[in-house]
Amino acid sequence: ADLADNLTGFAVGLVVGLVLRPLIPVERRLPGGAPAAGQPAA
């Protein structure tokens, strides 16, 4: 039962994260606001 509960919570979190992903900047940025190395600007 605990296993099912935990898997359910993780699946819910994944769905919420995928919905929020286009709306939240998640890349590391330099002090000036530019993306860090390896992360090209949009």
Full PDB file with SEQRES, HELIX, SHEET, SSBOND, CRYST1, ORIGX, SCALE, CONECT and MASTER records, all heavy atoms in Angstrom:
SEQRES   1 A   42  ALA ASP LEU ALA ASP ASN LEU THR GLY PHE ALA VAL GLY          
SEQRES   2 A   42  LEU VAL VAL GLY LEU VAL LEU ARG PRO LEU ILE PRO VAL          
SEQRES   3 A   42  GLU ARG ARG LEU PRO GLY GLY ALA PRO ALA ALA GLY GLN          
SEQRES   4 A   42  PRO ALA ALA                                                  
HELIX    1 AA1 ASP A    2  LEU A   20  1                                  19    
HELIX    2 AA2 ARG A   21  LEU A   23  5                                   3    
CRYST1    1.000    1.000    1.000  90.00  90.00  90.00 P 1           1          
ORIGX1      1.000000  0.000000  0.000000        0.00000                         
ORIGX2      0.000000  1.000000  0.000000        0.00000                         
ORIGX3      0.000000  0.000000  1.000000        0.00000                         
SCALE1      1.000000  0.000000  0.000000        0.00000                         
SCALE2      0.000000  1.000000  0.000000        0.00000                         
SCALE3      0.000000  0.000000  1.000000        0.00000                         
ATOM      1  N   ALA A   1       0.834  -1.206   0.000  1.00  0.00           N  
ATOM      2  CA  ALA A   1       0.000   0.000   0.000  1.00  0.00           C  
ATOM      3  C   ALA A   1       0.865   1.252   0.000  1.00  0.00           C  
ATOM      4  O   ALA A   1       0.583   2.222  -0.727  1.00  0.00           O  
ATOM      5  CB  ALA A   1      -0.917  -0.007   1.223  1.00  0.00           C  
ATOM      6  N   ASP A   2       1.945   1.250   0.816  1.00  0.00           N  
ATOM      7  CA  ASP A   2       2.860   2.394   0.815  1.00  0.00           C  
ATOM      8  C   ASP A   2       3.518   2.568  -0.547  1.00  0.00           C  
ATOM      9  O   ASP A   2       3.719   3.695  -1.019  1.00  0.00           O  
ATOM     10  CB  ASP A   2       3.932   2.207   1.889  1.00  0.00           C  
ATOM     11  CG  ASP A   2       3.371   2.307   3.292  1.00  0.00           C  
ATOM     12  OD1 ASP A   2       2.215   2.734   3.441  1.00  0.00           O  
ATOM     13  OD2 ASP A   2       4.084   1.948   4.240  1.00  0.00           O  
ATOM     14  N   LEU A   3       3.883   1.456  -1.169  1.00  0.00           N  
ATOM     15  CA  LEU A   3       4.505   1.508  -2.493  1.00  0.00           C  
ATOM     16  C   LEU A   3       3.566   2.145  -3.508  1.00  0.00           C  
ATOM     17  O   LEU A   3       3.978   3.011  -4.296  1.00  0.00           O  
ATOM     18  CB  LEU A   3       4.889   0.090  -2.939  1.00  0.00           C  
ATOM     19  CG  LEU A   3       5.511  -0.056  -4.325  1.00  0.00           C  
ATOM     20  CD1 LEU A   3       6.804   0.728  -4.426  1.00  0.00           C  
ATOM     21  CD2 LEU A   3       5.759  -1.532  -4.647  1.00  0.00           C  
ATOM     22  N   ALA A   4       2.302   1.738  -3.484  1.00  0.00           N  
ATOM     23  CA  ALA A   4       1.322   2.317  -4.410  1.00  0.00           C  
ATOM     24  C   ALA A   4       1.115   3.804  -4.139  1.00  0.00           C  
ATOM     25  O   ALA A   4       1.017   4.610  -5.077  1.00  0.00           O  
ATOM     26  CB  ALA A   4      -0.009   1.569  -4.287  1.00  0.00           C  
ATOM     27  N   ASP A   5       1.067   4.172  -2.866  1.00  0.00           N  
ATOM     28  CA  ASP A   5       0.893   5.586  -2.514  1.00  0.00           C  
ATOM     29  C   ASP A   5       2.056   6.428  -3.025  1.00  0.00           C  
ATOM     30  O   ASP A   5       1.862   7.506  -3.606  1.00  0.00           O  
ATOM     31  CB  ASP A   5       0.781   5.743  -0.996  1.00  0.00           C  
ATOM     32  CG  ASP A   5      -0.448   5.046  -0.433  1.00  0.00           C  
ATOM     33  OD1 ASP A   5      -1.373   4.756  -1.214  1.00  0.00           O  
ATOM     34  OD2 ASP A   5      -0.464   4.788   0.783  1.00  0.00           O  
ATOM     35  N   ASN A   6       3.278   5.952  -2.791  1.00  0.00           N  
ATOM     36  CA  ASN A   6       4.464   6.703  -3.211  1.00  0.00           C  
ATOM     37  C   ASN A   6       4.544   6.833  -4.727  1.00  0.00           C  
ATOM     38  O   ASN A   6       4.881   7.909  -5.249  1.00  0.00           O  
ATOM     39  CB  ASN A   6       5.722   6.031  -2.688  1.00  0.00           C  
ATOM     40  CG  ASN A   6       5.853   6.106  -1.180  1.00  0.00           C  
ATOM     41  OD1 ASN A   6       6.557   5.328  -0.563  1.00  0.00           O  
ATOM     42  ND2 ASN A   6       5.177   7.057  -0.539  1.00  0.00           N  
ATOM     43  N   LEU A   7       4.258   5.763  -5.447  1.00  0.00           N  
ATOM     44  CA  LEU A   7       4.280   5.819  -6.913  1.00  0.00           C  
ATOM     45  C   LEU A   7       3.212   6.777  -7.434  1.00  0.00           C  
ATOM     46  O   LEU A   7       3.435   7.503  -8.408  1.00  0.00           O  
ATOM     47  CB  LEU A   7       4.076   4.425  -7.496  1.00  0.00           C  
ATOM     48  CG  LEU A   7       5.244   3.451  -7.339  1.00  0.00           C  
ATOM     49  CD1 LEU A   7       4.854   2.065  -7.836  1.00  0.00           C  
ATOM     50  CD2 LEU A   7       6.476   3.950  -8.092  1.00  0.00           C  
ATOM     51  N   THR A   8       2.057   6.786  -6.783  1.00  0.00           N  
ATOM     52  CA  THR A   8       1.000   7.713  -7.180  1.00  0.00           C  
ATOM     53  C   THR A   8       1.451   9.157  -6.988  1.00  0.00           C  
ATOM     54  O   THR A   8       1.257  10.012  -7.866  1.00  0.00           O  
ATOM     55  CB  THR A   8      -0.273   7.455  -6.360  1.00  0.00           C  
ATOM     56  OG1 THR A   8      -0.731   6.117  -6.592  1.00  0.00           O  
ATOM     57  CG2 THR A   8      -1.373   8.430  -6.739  1.00  0.00           C  
ATOM     58  N   GLY A   9       2.066   9.441  -5.844  1.00  0.00           N  
ATOM     59  CA  GLY A   9       2.544  10.790  -5.590  1.00  0.00           C  
ATOM     60  C   GLY A   9       3.609  11.229  -6.583  1.00  0.00           C  
ATOM     61  O   GLY A   9       3.598  12.372  -7.054  1.00  0.00           O  
ATOM     62  N   PHE A  10       4.519  10.307  -6.915  1.00  0.00           N  
ATOM     63  CA  PHE A  10       5.568  10.655  -7.872  1.00  0.00           C  
ATOM     64  C   PHE A  10       4.977  10.921  -9.254  1.00  0.00           C  
ATOM     65  O   PHE A  10       5.387  11.861  -9.943  1.00  0.00           O  
ATOM     66  CB  PHE A  10       6.598   9.524  -7.946  1.00  0.00           C  
ATOM     67  CG  PHE A  10       7.771   9.840  -8.811  1.00  0.00           C  
ATOM     68  CD1 PHE A  10       8.724  10.769  -8.410  1.00  0.00           C  
ATOM     69  CD2 PHE A  10       7.937   9.211 -10.037  1.00  0.00           C  
ATOM     70  CE1 PHE A  10       9.808  11.067  -9.215  1.00  0.00           C  
ATOM     71  CE2 PHE A  10       9.015   9.509 -10.843  1.00  0.00           C  
ATOM     72  CZ  PHE A  10       9.962  10.435 -10.435  1.00  0.00           C  
ATOM     73  N   ALA A  11       3.997  10.108  -9.660  1.00  0.00           N  
ATOM     74  CA  ALA A  11       3.351  10.313 -10.961  1.00  0.00           C  
ATOM     75  C   ALA A  11       2.610  11.643 -11.000  1.00  0.00           C  
ATOM     76  O   ALA A  11       2.671  12.373 -12.005  1.00  0.00           O  
ATOM     77  CB  ALA A  11       2.391   9.160 -11.249  1.00  0.00           C  
ATOM     78  N   VAL A  12       1.915  11.989  -9.914  1.00  0.00           N  
ATOM     79  CA  VAL A  12       1.221  13.276  -9.846  1.00  0.00           C  
ATOM     80  C   VAL A  12       2.222  14.419  -9.950  1.00  0.00           C  
ATOM     81  O   VAL A  12       2.001  15.406 -10.668  1.00  0.00           O  
ATOM     82  CB  VAL A  12       0.409  13.380  -8.540  1.00  0.00           C  
ATOM     83  CG1 VAL A  12      -0.111  14.799  -8.340  1.00  0.00           C  
ATOM     84  CG2 VAL A  12      -0.743  12.387  -8.549  1.00  0.00           C  
ATOM     85  N   GLY A  13       3.350  14.298  -9.251  1.00  0.00           N  
ATOM     86  CA  GLY A  13       4.376  15.336  -9.318  1.00  0.00           C  
ATOM     87  C   GLY A  13       4.944  15.500 -10.713  1.00  0.00           C  
ATOM     88  O   GLY A  13       5.183  16.631 -11.169  1.00  0.00           O  
ATOM     89  N   LEU A  14       5.167  14.388 -11.419  1.00  0.00           N  
ATOM     90  CA  LEU A  14       5.667  14.466 -12.789  1.00  0.00           C  
ATOM     91  C   LEU A  14       4.699  15.220 -13.688  1.00  0.00           C  
ATOM     92  O   LEU A  14       5.103  16.070 -14.493  1.00  0.00           O  
ATOM     93  CB  LEU A  14       5.905  13.060 -13.343  1.00  0.00           C  
ATOM     94  CG  LEU A  14       7.185  12.329 -12.925  1.00  0.00           C  
ATOM     95  CD1 LEU A  14       7.212  10.932 -13.535  1.00  0.00           C  
ATOM     96  CD2 LEU A  14       8.427  13.112 -13.342  1.00  0.00           C  
ATOM     97  N   VAL A  15       3.428  14.914 -13.569  1.00  0.00           N  
ATOM     98  CA  VAL A  15       2.426  15.576 -14.405  1.00  0.00           C  
ATOM     99  C   VAL A  15       2.391  17.073 -14.103  1.00  0.00           C  
ATOM    100  O   VAL A  15       2.374  17.911 -15.022  1.00  0.00           O  
ATOM    101  CB  VAL A  15       1.034  14.955 -14.181  1.00  0.00           C  
ATOM    102  CG1 VAL A  15      -0.041  15.763 -14.897  1.00  0.00           C  
ATOM    103  CG2 VAL A  15       1.020  13.512 -14.659  1.00  0.00           C  
ATOM    104  N   VAL A  16       2.400  17.433 -12.817  1.00  0.00           N  
ATOM    105  CA  VAL A  16       2.392  18.844 -12.443  1.00  0.00           C  
ATOM    106  C   VAL A  16       3.635  19.550 -12.976  1.00  0.00           C  
ATOM    107  O   VAL A  16       3.571  20.662 -13.518  1.00  0.00           O  
ATOM    108  CB  VAL A  16       2.306  18.994 -10.910  1.00  0.00           C  
ATOM    109  CG1 VAL A  16       2.498  20.451 -10.497  1.00  0.00           C  
ATOM    110  CG2 VAL A  16       0.977  18.463 -10.398  1.00  0.00           C  
ATOM    111  N   GLY A  17       4.794  18.907 -12.857  1.00  0.00           N  
ATOM    112  CA  GLY A  17       6.029  19.502 -13.342  1.00  0.00           C  
ATOM    113  C   GLY A  17       6.033  19.696 -14.847  1.00  0.00           C  
ATOM    114  O   GLY A  17       6.507  20.727 -15.354  1.00  0.00           O  
ATOM    115  N   LEU A  18       5.512  18.725 -15.590  1.00  0.00           N  
ATOM    116  CA  LEU A  18       5.470  18.848 -17.047  1.00  0.00           C  
ATOM    117  C   LEU A  18       4.517  19.964 -17.483  1.00  0.00           C  
ATOM    118  O   LEU A  18       4.751  20.621 -18.496  1.00  0.00           O  
ATOM    119  CB  LEU A  18       5.041  17.510 -17.665  1.00  0.00           C  
ATOM    120  CG  LEU A  18       6.055  16.373 -17.539  1.00  0.00           C  
ATOM    121  CD1 LEU A  18       5.470  15.081 -18.087  1.00  0.00           C  
ATOM    122  CD2 LEU A  18       7.356  16.719 -18.262  1.00  0.00           C  
ATOM    123  N   VAL A  19       3.445  20.173 -16.713  1.00  0.00           N  
ATOM    124  CA  VAL A  19       2.527  21.269 -17.025  1.00  0.00           C  
ATOM    125  C   VAL A  19       3.189  22.616 -16.759  1.00  0.00           C  
ATOM    126  O   VAL A  19       3.040  23.572 -17.533  1.00  0.00           O  
ATOM    127  CB  VAL A  19       1.232  21.123 -16.202  1.00  0.00           C  
ATOM    128  CG1 VAL A  19       0.364  22.369 -16.347  1.00  0.00           C  
ATOM    129  CG2 VAL A  19       0.462  19.887 -16.638  1.00  0.00           C  
ATOM    130  N   LEU A  20       3.957  22.703 -15.679  1.00  0.00           N  
ATOM    131  CA  LEU A  20       4.595  23.967 -15.312  1.00  0.00           C  
ATOM    132  C   LEU A  20       5.867  24.246 -16.116  1.00  0.00           C  
ATOM    133  O   LEU A  20       6.313  25.396 -16.179  1.00  0.00           O  
ATOM    134  CB  LEU A  20       4.954  23.960 -13.821  1.00  0.00           C  
ATOM    135  CG  LEU A  20       3.789  23.891 -12.838  1.00  0.00           C  
ATOM    136  CD1 LEU A  20       4.316  23.813 -11.418  1.00  0.00           C  
ATOM    137  CD2 LEU A  20       2.868  25.087 -13.008  1.00  0.00           C  
ATOM    138  N   ARG A  21       6.432  23.220 -16.720  1.00  0.00           N  
ATOM    139  CA  ARG A  21       7.732  23.337 -17.382  1.00  0.00           C  
ATOM    140  C   ARG A  21       7.806  24.473 -18.402  1.00  0.00           C  
ATOM    141  O   ARG A  21       8.782  25.241 -18.405  1.00  0.00           O  
ATOM    142  CB  ARG A  21       8.085  21.997 -18.039  1.00  0.00           C  
ATOM    143  CG  ARG A  21       9.468  21.938 -18.655  1.00  0.00           C  
ATOM    144  CD  ARG A  21       9.703  20.564 -19.295  1.00  0.00           C  
ATOM    145  NE  ARG A  21      10.984  20.545 -19.965  1.00  0.00           N  
ATOM    146  CZ  ARG A  21      12.118  20.224 -19.379  1.00  0.00           C  
ATOM    147  NH1 ARG A  21      12.125  19.913 -18.099  1.00  0.00           N  
ATOM    148  NH2 ARG A  21      13.254  20.222 -20.054  1.00  0.00           N  
ATOM    149  N   PRO A  22       6.812  24.657 -19.291  1.00  0.00           N  
ATOM    150  CA  PRO A  22       6.915  25.758 -20.266  1.00  0.00           C  
ATOM    151  C   PRO A  22       6.767  27.144 -19.636  1.00  0.00           C  
ATOM    152  O   PRO A  22       7.068  28.144 -20.282  1.00  0.00           O  
ATOM    153  CB  PRO A  22       5.762  25.478 -21.244  1.00  0.00           C  
ATOM    154  CG  PRO A  22       5.342  24.066 -20.988  1.00  0.00           C  
ATOM    155  CD  PRO A  22       5.610  23.828 -19.540  1.00  0.00           C  
ATOM    156  N   LEU A  23       6.309  27.204 -18.399  1.00  0.00           N  
ATOM    157  CA  LEU A  23       5.991  28.490 -17.776  1.00  0.00           C  
ATOM    158  C   LEU A  23       7.079  28.993 -16.830  1.00  0.00           C  
ATOM    159  O   LEU A  23       7.049  30.170 -16.444  1.00  0.00           O  
ATOM    160  CB  LEU A  23       4.674  28.366 -16.984  1.00  0.00           C  
ATOM    161  CG  LEU A  23       3.474  27.791 -17.747  1.00  0.00           C  
ATOM    162  CD1 LEU A  23       2.292  27.634 -16.813  1.00  0.00           C  
ATOM    163  CD2 LEU A  23       3.125  28.658 -18.940  1.00  0.00           C  
ATOM    164  N   ILE A  24       8.038  28.128 -16.471  1.00  0.00           N  
ATOM    165  CA  ILE A  24       9.023  28.488 -15.450  1.00  0.00           C  
ATOM    166  C   ILE A  24      10.427  28.376 -16.033  1.00  0.00           C  
ATOM    167  O   ILE A  24      10.774  27.341 -16.612  1.00  0.00           O  
ATOM    168  CB  ILE A  24       8.897  27.564 -14.228  1.00  0.00           C  
ATOM    169  CG1 ILE A  24       7.494  27.631 -13.634  1.00  0.00           C  
ATOM    170  CG2 ILE A  24       9.931  27.915 -13.168  1.00  0.00           C  
ATOM    171  CD1 ILE A  24       7.281  26.692 -12.477  1.00  0.00           C  
ATOM    172  N   PRO A  25      11.261  29.416 -15.893  1.00  0.00           N  
ATOM    173  CA  PRO A  25      12.666  29.304 -16.331  1.00  0.00           C  
ATOM    174  C   PRO A  25      13.433  28.398 -15.380  1.00  0.00           C  
ATOM    175  O   PRO A  25      13.503  28.668 -14.177  1.00  0.00           O  
ATOM    176  CB  PRO A  25      13.169  30.752 -16.258  1.00  0.00           C  
ATOM    177  CG  PRO A  25      12.275  31.417 -15.261  1.00  0.00           C  
ATOM    178  CD  PRO A  25      10.933  30.749 -15.373  1.00  0.00           C  
ATOM    179  N   VAL A  26      13.997  27.324 -15.905  1.00  0.00           N  
ATOM    180  CA  VAL A  26      14.661  26.332 -15.056  1.00  0.00           C  
ATOM    181  C   VAL A  26      16.164  26.258 -15.291  1.00  0.00           C  
ATOM    182  O   VAL A  26      16.865  25.559 -14.563  1.00  0.00           O  
ATOM    183  CB  VAL A  26      14.045  24.935 -15.282  1.00  0.00           C  
ATOM    184  CG1 VAL A  26      12.595  24.910 -14.827  1.00  0.00           C  
ATOM    185  CG2 VAL A  26      14.156  24.517 -16.752  1.00  0.00           C  
ATOM    186  N   GLU A  27      16.684  26.985 -16.317  1.00  0.00           N  
ATOM    187  CA  GLU A  27      18.119  26.950 -16.567  1.00  0.00           C  
ATOM    188  C   GLU A  27      18.863  27.833 -15.586  1.00  0.00           C  
ATOM    189  O   GLU A  27      18.334  28.837 -15.110  1.00  0.00           O  
ATOM    190  CB  GLU A  27      18.448  27.414 -17.998  1.00  0.00           C  
ATOM    191  CG  GLU A  27      17.856  26.553 -19.089  1.00  0.00           C  
ATOM    192  CD  GLU A  27      16.478  27.029 -19.487  1.00  0.00           C  
ATOM    193  OE1 GLU A  27      15.976  27.978 -18.839  1.00  0.00           O  
ATOM    194  OE2 GLU A  27      15.895  26.440 -20.408  1.00  0.00           O  
ATOM    195  N   ARG A  28      20.078  27.463 -15.273  1.00  0.00           N  
ATOM    196  CA  ARG A  28      20.931  28.314 -14.446  1.00  0.00           C  
ATOM    197  C   ARG A  28      21.336  29.530 -15.263  1.00  0.00           C  
ATOM    198  O   ARG A  28      21.728  29.421 -16.420  1.00  0.00           O  
ATOM    199  CB  ARG A  28      22.187  27.560 -14.005  1.00  0.00           C  
ATOM    200  CG  ARG A  28      23.060  28.339 -13.025  1.00  0.00           C  
ATOM    201  CD  ARG A  28      24.223  27.486 -12.556  1.00  0.00           C  
ATOM    202  NE  ARG A  28      25.227  27.326 -13.589  1.00  0.00           N  
ATOM    203  CZ  ARG A  28      26.257  28.161 -13.774  1.00  0.00           C  
ATOM    204  NH1 ARG A  28      26.410  29.207 -12.992  1.00  0.00           N  
ATOM    205  NH2 ARG A  28      27.138  27.932 -14.729  1.00  0.00           N  
ATOM    206  N   ARG A  29      21.249  30.712 -14.666  1.00  0.00           N  
ATOM    207  CA  ARG A  29      21.566  31.951 -15.367  1.00  0.00           C  
ATOM    208  C   ARG A  29      22.685  32.691 -14.667  1.00  0.00           C  
ATOM    209  O   ARG A  29      22.838  32.610 -13.456  1.00  0.00           O  
ATOM    210  CB  ARG A  29      20.322  32.843 -15.491  1.00  0.00           C  
ATOM    211  CG  ARG A  29      19.274  32.240 -16.413  1.00  0.00           C  
ATOM    212  CD  ARG A  29      18.119  33.180 -16.655  1.00  0.00           C  
ATOM    213  NE  ARG A  29      17.238  32.640 -17.678  1.00  0.00           N  
ATOM    214  CZ  ARG A  29      17.378  32.842 -18.976  1.00  0.00           C  
ATOM    215  NH1 ARG A  29      18.381  33.591 -19.417  1.00  0.00           N  
ATOM    216  NH2 ARG A  29      16.548  32.306 -19.849  1.00  0.00           N  
ATOM    217  N   LEU A  30      23.459  33.414 -15.472  1.00  0.00           N  
ATOM    218  CA  LEU A  30      24.549  34.217 -14.950  1.00  0.00           C  
ATOM    219  C   LEU A  30      23.996  35.471 -14.289  1.00  0.00           C  
ATOM    220  O   LEU A  30      22.830  35.817 -14.473  1.00  0.00           O  
ATOM    221  CB  LEU A  30      25.506  34.570 -16.086  1.00  0.00           C  
ATOM    222  CG  LEU A  30      26.143  33.367 -16.799  1.00  0.00           C  
ATOM    223  CD1 LEU A  30      26.979  33.842 -17.979  1.00  0.00           C  
ATOM    224  CD2 LEU A  30      26.978  32.538 -15.841  1.00  0.00           C  
ATOM    225  N   PRO A  31      24.812  36.191 -13.497  1.00  0.00           N  
ATOM    226  CA  PRO A  31      24.313  37.399 -12.820  1.00  0.00           C  
ATOM    227  C   PRO A  31      23.650  38.395 -13.746  1.00  0.00           C  
ATOM    228  O   PRO A  31      22.717  39.088 -13.365  1.00  0.00           O  
ATOM    229  CB  PRO A  31      25.585  37.977 -12.177  1.00  0.00           C  
ATOM    230  CG  PRO A  31      26.451  36.782 -11.936  1.00  0.00           C  
ATOM    231  CD  PRO A  31      26.192  35.865 -13.102  1.00  0.00           C  
ATOM    232  N   GLY A  32      24.102  38.509 -15.004  1.00  0.00           N  
ATOM    233  CA  GLY A  32      23.505  39.454 -15.939  1.00  0.00           C  
ATOM    234  C   GLY A  32      22.198  38.987 -16.532  1.00  0.00           C  
ATOM    235  O   GLY A  32      21.569  39.705 -17.300  1.00  0.00           O  
ATOM    236  N   GLY A  33      21.786  37.758 -16.204  1.00  0.00           N  
ATOM    237  CA  GLY A  33      20.538  37.234 -16.722  1.00  0.00           C  
ATOM    238  C   GLY A  33      20.704  36.327 -17.914  1.00  0.00           C  
ATOM    239  O   GLY A  33      19.736  35.730 -18.380  1.00  0.00           O  
ATOM    240  N   ALA A  34      21.930  36.214 -18.451  1.00  0.00           N  
ATOM    241  CA  ALA A  34      22.167  35.354 -19.602  1.00  0.00           C  
ATOM    242  C   ALA A  34      22.227  33.901 -19.158  1.00  0.00           C  
ATOM    243  O   ALA A  34      22.629  33.601 -18.041  1.00  0.00           O  
ATOM    244  CB  ALA A  34      23.479  35.740 -20.285  1.00  0.00           C  
ATOM    245  N   PRO A  35      21.812  32.958 -20.041  1.00  0.00           N  
ATOM    246  CA  PRO A  35      21.903  31.543 -19.689  1.00  0.00           C  
ATOM    247  C   PRO A  35      23.352  31.141 -19.448  1.00  0.00           C  
ATOM    248  O   PRO A  35      24.275  31.699 -20.033  1.00  0.00           O  
ATOM    249  CB  PRO A  35      21.332  30.838 -20.926  1.00  0.00           C  
ATOM    250  CG  PRO A  35      20.533  31.876 -21.633  1.00  0.00           C  
ATOM    251  CD  PRO A  35      21.211  33.176 -21.357  1.00  0.00           C  
ATOM    252  N   ALA A  36      23.544  30.159 -18.580  1.00  0.00           N  
ATOM    253  CA  ALA A  36      24.886  29.655 -18.304  1.00  0.00           C  
ATOM    254  C   ALA A  36      25.418  28.912 -19.512  1.00  0.00           C  
ATOM    255  O   ALA A  36      24.701  28.617 -20.466  1.00  0.00           O  
ATOM    256  CB  ALA A  36      24.864  28.740 -17.087  1.00  0.00           C  
ATOM    257  N   ALA A  37      26.714  28.595 -19.477  1.00  0.00           N  
ATOM    258  CA  ALA A  37      27.340  27.897 -20.590  1.00  0.00           C  
ATOM    259  C   ALA A  37      26.622  26.594 -20.860  1.00  0.00           C  
ATOM    260  O   ALA A  37      26.275  25.851 -19.953  1.00  0.00           O  
ATOM    261  CB  ALA A  37      28.807  27.621 -20.261  1.00  0.00           C  
ATOM    262  N   GLY A  38      26.406  26.322 -22.159  1.00  0.00           N  
ATOM    263  CA  GLY A  38      25.725  25.102 -22.549  1.00  0.00           C  
ATOM    264  C   GLY A  38      24.217  25.271 -22.651  1.00  0.00           C  
ATOM    265  O   GLY A  38      23.514  24.366 -23.021  1.00  0.00           O  
ATOM    266  N   GLN A  39      23.710  26.461 -22.281  1.00  0.00           N  
ATOM    267  CA  GLN A  39      22.289  26.729 -22.366  1.00  0.00           C  
ATOM    268  C   GLN A  39      22.063  27.949 -23.258  1.00  0.00           C  
ATOM    269  O   GLN A  39      22.062  29.078 -22.788  1.00  0.00           O  
ATOM    270  CB  GLN A  39      21.707  26.985 -20.970  1.00  0.00           C  
ATOM    271  CG  GLN A  39      21.769  25.789 -20.056  1.00  0.00           C  
ATOM    272  CD  GLN A  39      20.810  24.706 -20.499  1.00  0.00           C  
ATOM    273  OE1 GLN A  39      19.830  24.980 -21.186  1.00  0.00           O  
ATOM    274  NE2 GLN A  39      21.085  23.478 -20.133  1.00  0.00           N  
ATOM    275  N   PRO A  40      21.877  27.773 -24.553  1.00  0.00           N  
ATOM    276  CA  PRO A  40      21.674  28.916 -25.438  1.00  0.00           C  
ATOM    277  C   PRO A  40      20.402  29.649 -25.119  1.00  0.00           C  
ATOM    278  O   PRO A  40      19.423  29.078 -24.646  1.00  0.00           O  
ATOM    279  CB  PRO A  40      21.587  28.262 -26.837  1.00  0.00           C  
ATOM    280  CG  PRO A  40      21.164  26.854 -26.565  1.00  0.00           C  
ATOM    281  CD  PRO A  40      21.796  26.486 -25.264  1.00  0.00           C  
ATOM    282  N   ALA A  41      20.430  30.956 -25.339  1.00  0.00           N  
ATOM    283  CA  ALA A  41      19.238  31.758 -25.107  1.00  0.00           C  
ATOM    284  C   ALA A  41      18.140  31.366 -26.071  1.00  0.00           C  
ATOM    285  O   ALA A  41      18.378  30.817 -27.135  1.00  0.00           O  
ATOM    286  CB  ALA A  41      19.578  33.250 -25.276  1.00  0.00           C  
ATOM    287  N   ALA A  42      16.897  31.623 -25.679  1.00  0.00           N  
ATOM    288  CA  ALA A  42      15.773  31.256 -26.520  1.00  0.00           C  
ATOM    289  C   ALA A  42      15.881  31.943 -27.865  1.00  0.00           C  
ATOM    290  O   ALA A  42      16.055  33.151 -27.952  1.00  0.00           O  
ATOM    291  CB  ALA A  42      14.458  31.656 -25.826  1.00  0.00           C  
TER     292      ALA A  42                                                      
MASTER        0    0    0    2    0    0    0    6  291    1    0    4          
END                                                                             
